[in-house]
Amino acid sequence: MTDWFMSCYIGILPIEMTLCVWDVFYEESKTLFRIALAIFKTGESKIGAVSDPLEMFGIKERRQERRDKTH
């Protein structure tokens, strides 16, 4: 699995959940992709509005900031 894909989970999910997701990867990669799709689904409207692929980093950072405020 590439580093960029695994890093998608860091900052979006709490670290405990990120570690669980990574554990799942080693057991069944289909589950990992389903979790990624679920995360993308929660930001579907914002992701769909992106005109520049680099804007995705901004979306990820804002999601991380919101998560940090709630945890």
N, C-alpha and C. Protein backbone atom coordinates (compact mmCIF):
# COMPACT_ATOMS: atom_id res chain seq x y z
N MET A 1 0.86 -1.18 0.00
CA MET A 1 0.00 0.00 0.00
C MET A 1 0.89 1.23 0.00
N THR A 2 0.51 2.24 -0.73
CA THR A 2 1.35 3.43 -0.82
C THR A 2 1.19 4.31 0.41
N ASP A 3 2.23 5.07 0.69
CA ASP A 3 2.24 5.94 1.87
C ASP A 3 1.11 6.95 1.84
N TRP A 4 0.82 7.51 0.65
CA TRP A 4 -0.21 8.56 0.60
C TRP A 4 -1.57 8.00 1.01
N PHE A 5 -1.85 6.76 0.63
CA PHE A 5 -3.14 6.18 0.98
C PHE A 5 -3.24 5.95 2.48
N MET A 6 -2.18 5.43 3.07
CA MET A 6 -2.20 5.18 4.50
C MET A 6 -2.27 6.49 5.28
N SER A 7 -1.64 7.54 4.75
CA SER A 7 -1.66 8.83 5.45
C SER A 7 -3.02 9.50 5.38
N CYS A 8 -3.89 9.05 4.50
CA CYS A 8 -5.24 9.62 4.42
C CYS A 8 -6.00 9.45 5.74
N TYR A 9 -5.67 8.43 6.48
CA TYR A 9 -6.38 8.15 7.72
C TYR A 9 -5.86 8.99 8.89
N ILE A 10 -4.60 9.42 8.80
CA ILE A 10 -4.02 10.21 9.89
C ILE A 10 -4.60 11.61 9.83
N GLY A 11 -5.10 12.08 10.94
CA GLY A 11 -5.66 13.42 11.00
C GLY A 11 -7.15 13.46 10.73
N ILE A 12 -7.67 12.46 10.07
CA ILE A 12 -9.11 12.38 9.83
C ILE A 12 -9.77 11.61 10.96
N LEU A 13 -9.15 10.51 11.33
CA LEU A 13 -9.67 9.67 12.40
C LEU A 13 -8.81 9.84 13.65
N PRO A 14 -9.38 9.61 14.82
CA PRO A 14 -8.55 9.60 16.03
C PRO A 14 -7.47 8.53 15.89
N ILE A 15 -6.33 8.75 16.53
CA ILE A 15 -5.19 7.85 16.36
C ILE A 15 -5.53 6.40 16.71
N GLU A 16 -6.35 6.20 17.74
CA GLU A 16 -6.71 4.83 18.12
C GLU A 16 -7.46 4.15 16.98
N MET A 17 -8.35 4.89 16.33
CA MET A 17 -9.11 4.32 15.23
C MET A 17 -8.21 4.12 14.01
N THR A 18 -7.28 5.04 13.78
CA THR A 18 -6.35 4.91 12.67
C THR A 18 -5.55 3.62 12.80
N LEU A 19 -5.08 3.34 14.00
CA LEU A 19 -4.32 2.10 14.22
C LEU A 19 -5.17 0.87 13.97
N CYS A 20 -6.43 0.94 14.34
CA CYS A 20 -7.35 -0.19 14.08
C CYS A 20 -7.55 -0.37 12.58
N VAL A 21 -7.71 0.75 11.87
CA VAL A 21 -7.88 0.68 10.41
C VAL A 21 -6.66 0.05 9.77
N TRP A 22 -5.47 0.45 10.20
CA TRP A 22 -4.25 -0.13 9.65
C TRP A 22 -4.17 -1.62 9.95
N ASP A 23 -4.62 -2.04 11.13
CA ASP A 23 -4.65 -3.47 11.44
C ASP A 23 -5.55 -4.22 10.47
N VAL A 24 -6.67 -3.61 10.16
CA VAL A 24 -7.61 -4.24 9.22
C VAL A 24 -6.95 -4.42 7.86
N PHE A 25 -6.13 -3.47 7.46
CA PHE A 25 -5.45 -3.56 6.17
C PHE A 25 -4.70 -4.88 6.03
N TYR A 26 -4.04 -5.26 7.07
CA TYR A 26 -3.25 -6.49 7.01
C TYR A 26 -4.13 -7.74 7.01
N GLU A 27 -5.36 -7.59 7.46
CA GLU A 27 -6.28 -8.73 7.48
C GLU A 27 -7.10 -8.83 6.20
N GLU A 28 -7.60 -7.69 5.75
CA GLU A 28 -8.46 -7.71 4.56
C GLU A 28 -8.48 -6.33 3.93
N SER A 29 -7.83 -6.19 2.79
CA SER A 29 -7.69 -4.88 2.15
C SER A 29 -9.02 -4.32 1.65
N LYS A 30 -9.99 -5.16 1.34
CA LYS A 30 -11.29 -4.66 0.88
C LYS A 30 -11.94 -3.80 1.96
N THR A 31 -11.79 -4.18 3.19
CA THR A 31 -12.36 -3.41 4.30
C THR A 31 -11.71 -2.04 4.39
N LEU A 32 -10.42 -1.97 4.20
CA LEU A 32 -9.71 -0.70 4.24
C LEU A 32 -10.26 0.25 3.18
N PHE A 33 -10.48 -0.25 1.98
CA PHE A 33 -11.03 0.59 0.93
C PHE A 33 -12.45 1.03 1.25
N ARG A 34 -13.23 0.18 1.87
CA ARG A 34 -14.59 0.56 2.25
C ARG A 34 -14.58 1.68 3.29
N ILE A 35 -13.65 1.62 4.23
CA ILE A 35 -13.53 2.68 5.22
C ILE A 35 -13.12 3.98 4.54
N ALA A 36 -12.17 3.90 3.61
CA ALA A 36 -11.75 5.10 2.87
C ALA A 36 -12.92 5.70 2.10
N LEU A 37 -13.71 4.86 1.46
CA LEU A 37 -14.87 5.36 0.72
C LEU A 37 -15.88 6.02 1.65
N ALA A 38 -16.05 5.46 2.83
CA ALA A 38 -16.98 6.06 3.80
C ALA A 38 -16.48 7.44 4.24
N ILE A 39 -15.17 7.57 4.45
CA ILE A 39 -14.61 8.87 4.81
C ILE A 39 -14.82 9.86 3.67
N PHE A 40 -14.53 9.43 2.45
CA PHE A 40 -14.74 10.31 1.31
C PHE A 40 -16.21 10.68 1.15
N LYS A 41 -17.09 9.76 1.44
CA LYS A 41 -18.53 10.01 1.32
C LYS A 41 -18.97 11.13 2.26
N THR A 42 -18.38 11.20 3.45
CA THR A 42 -18.76 12.25 4.39
C THR A 42 -18.39 13.64 3.89
N GLY A 43 -17.39 13.73 3.02
CA GLY A 43 -16.99 15.02 2.47
C GLY A 43 -17.29 15.15 0.99
N GLU A 44 -18.24 14.37 0.52
CA GLU A 44 -18.54 14.29 -0.91
C GLU A 44 -18.84 15.64 -1.55
N SER A 45 -19.64 16.47 -0.91
CA SER A 45 -20.00 17.75 -1.52
C SER A 45 -18.79 18.66 -1.65
N LYS A 46 -17.92 18.67 -0.64
CA LYS A 46 -16.71 19.50 -0.70
C LYS A 46 -15.72 18.95 -1.70
N ILE A 47 -15.58 17.65 -1.75
CA ILE A 47 -14.66 17.02 -2.69
C ILE A 47 -15.14 17.27 -4.12
N GLY A 48 -16.44 17.20 -4.34
CA GLY A 48 -16.99 17.43 -5.68
C GLY A 48 -16.80 18.85 -6.17
N ALA A 49 -16.64 19.78 -5.25
CA ALA A 49 -16.47 21.19 -5.62
C ALA A 49 -15.02 21.56 -5.89
N VAL A 50 -14.10 20.63 -5.70
CA VAL A 50 -12.68 20.90 -5.90
C VAL A 50 -12.37 21.03 -7.39
N SER A 51 -11.73 22.15 -7.73
CA SER A 51 -11.31 22.33 -9.12
C SER A 51 -9.82 22.05 -9.31
N ASP A 52 -9.07 22.20 -8.23
CA ASP A 52 -7.63 21.95 -8.26
C ASP A 52 -7.34 20.80 -7.30
N PRO A 53 -6.69 19.74 -7.78
CA PRO A 53 -6.42 18.59 -6.91
C PRO A 53 -5.69 18.96 -5.62
N LEU A 54 -4.90 20.02 -5.63
CA LEU A 54 -4.18 20.41 -4.43
C LEU A 54 -5.12 20.94 -3.35
N GLU A 55 -6.33 21.32 -3.72
CA GLU A 55 -7.31 21.77 -2.74
C GLU A 55 -7.70 20.65 -1.79
N MET A 56 -7.48 19.41 -2.20
CA MET A 56 -7.82 18.27 -1.35
C MET A 56 -7.03 18.33 -0.04
N PHE A 57 -5.81 18.84 -0.08
CA PHE A 57 -5.02 18.95 1.14
C PHE A 57 -5.67 19.92 2.12
N GLY A 58 -6.24 21.01 1.58
CA GLY A 58 -6.94 21.97 2.43
C GLY A 58 -8.16 21.37 3.08
N ILE A 59 -8.89 20.57 2.33
CA ILE A 59 -10.08 19.89 2.87
C ILE A 59 -9.66 18.97 4.00
N LYS A 60 -8.59 18.20 3.76
CA LYS A 60 -8.10 17.26 4.79
C LYS A 60 -7.67 18.02 6.04
N GLU A 61 -6.96 19.13 5.87
CA GLU A 61 -6.51 19.90 7.03
C GLU A 61 -7.67 20.48 7.82
N ARG A 62 -8.68 21.00 7.14
CA ARG A 62 -9.84 21.55 7.84
C ARG A 62 -10.60 20.46 8.59
N ARG A 63 -10.69 19.27 7.99
CA ARG A 63 -11.35 18.15 8.68
C ARG A 63 -10.57 17.78 9.94
N GLN A 64 -9.24 17.81 9.82
CA GLN A 64 -8.41 17.48 10.98
C GLN A 64 -8.60 18.52 12.08
N GLU A 65 -8.67 19.78 11.72
CA GLU A 65 -8.88 20.84 12.72
C GLU A 65 -10.22 20.66 13.42
N ARG A 66 -11.28 20.33 12.67
CA ARG A 66 -12.60 20.10 13.28
C ARG A 66 -12.55 18.88 14.19
N ARG A 67 -11.87 17.84 13.78
CA ARG A 67 -11.77 16.64 14.60
C ARG A 67 -11.03 16.94 15.89
N ASP A 68 -9.96 17.71 15.79
CA ASP A 68 -9.18 18.05 16.98
C ASP A 68 -10.00 18.87 17.97
N LYS A 69 -10.87 19.70 17.49
CA LYS A 69 -11.71 20.51 18.37
C LYS A 69 -12.75 19.67 19.10
N THR A 70 -13.17 18.57 18.49
CA THR A 70 -14.20 17.74 19.10
C THR A 70 -13.62 16.63 19.98
N HIS A 71 -12.32 16.35 19.86
CA HIS A 71 -11.72 15.26 20.65
C HIS A 71 -10.78 15.82 21.63
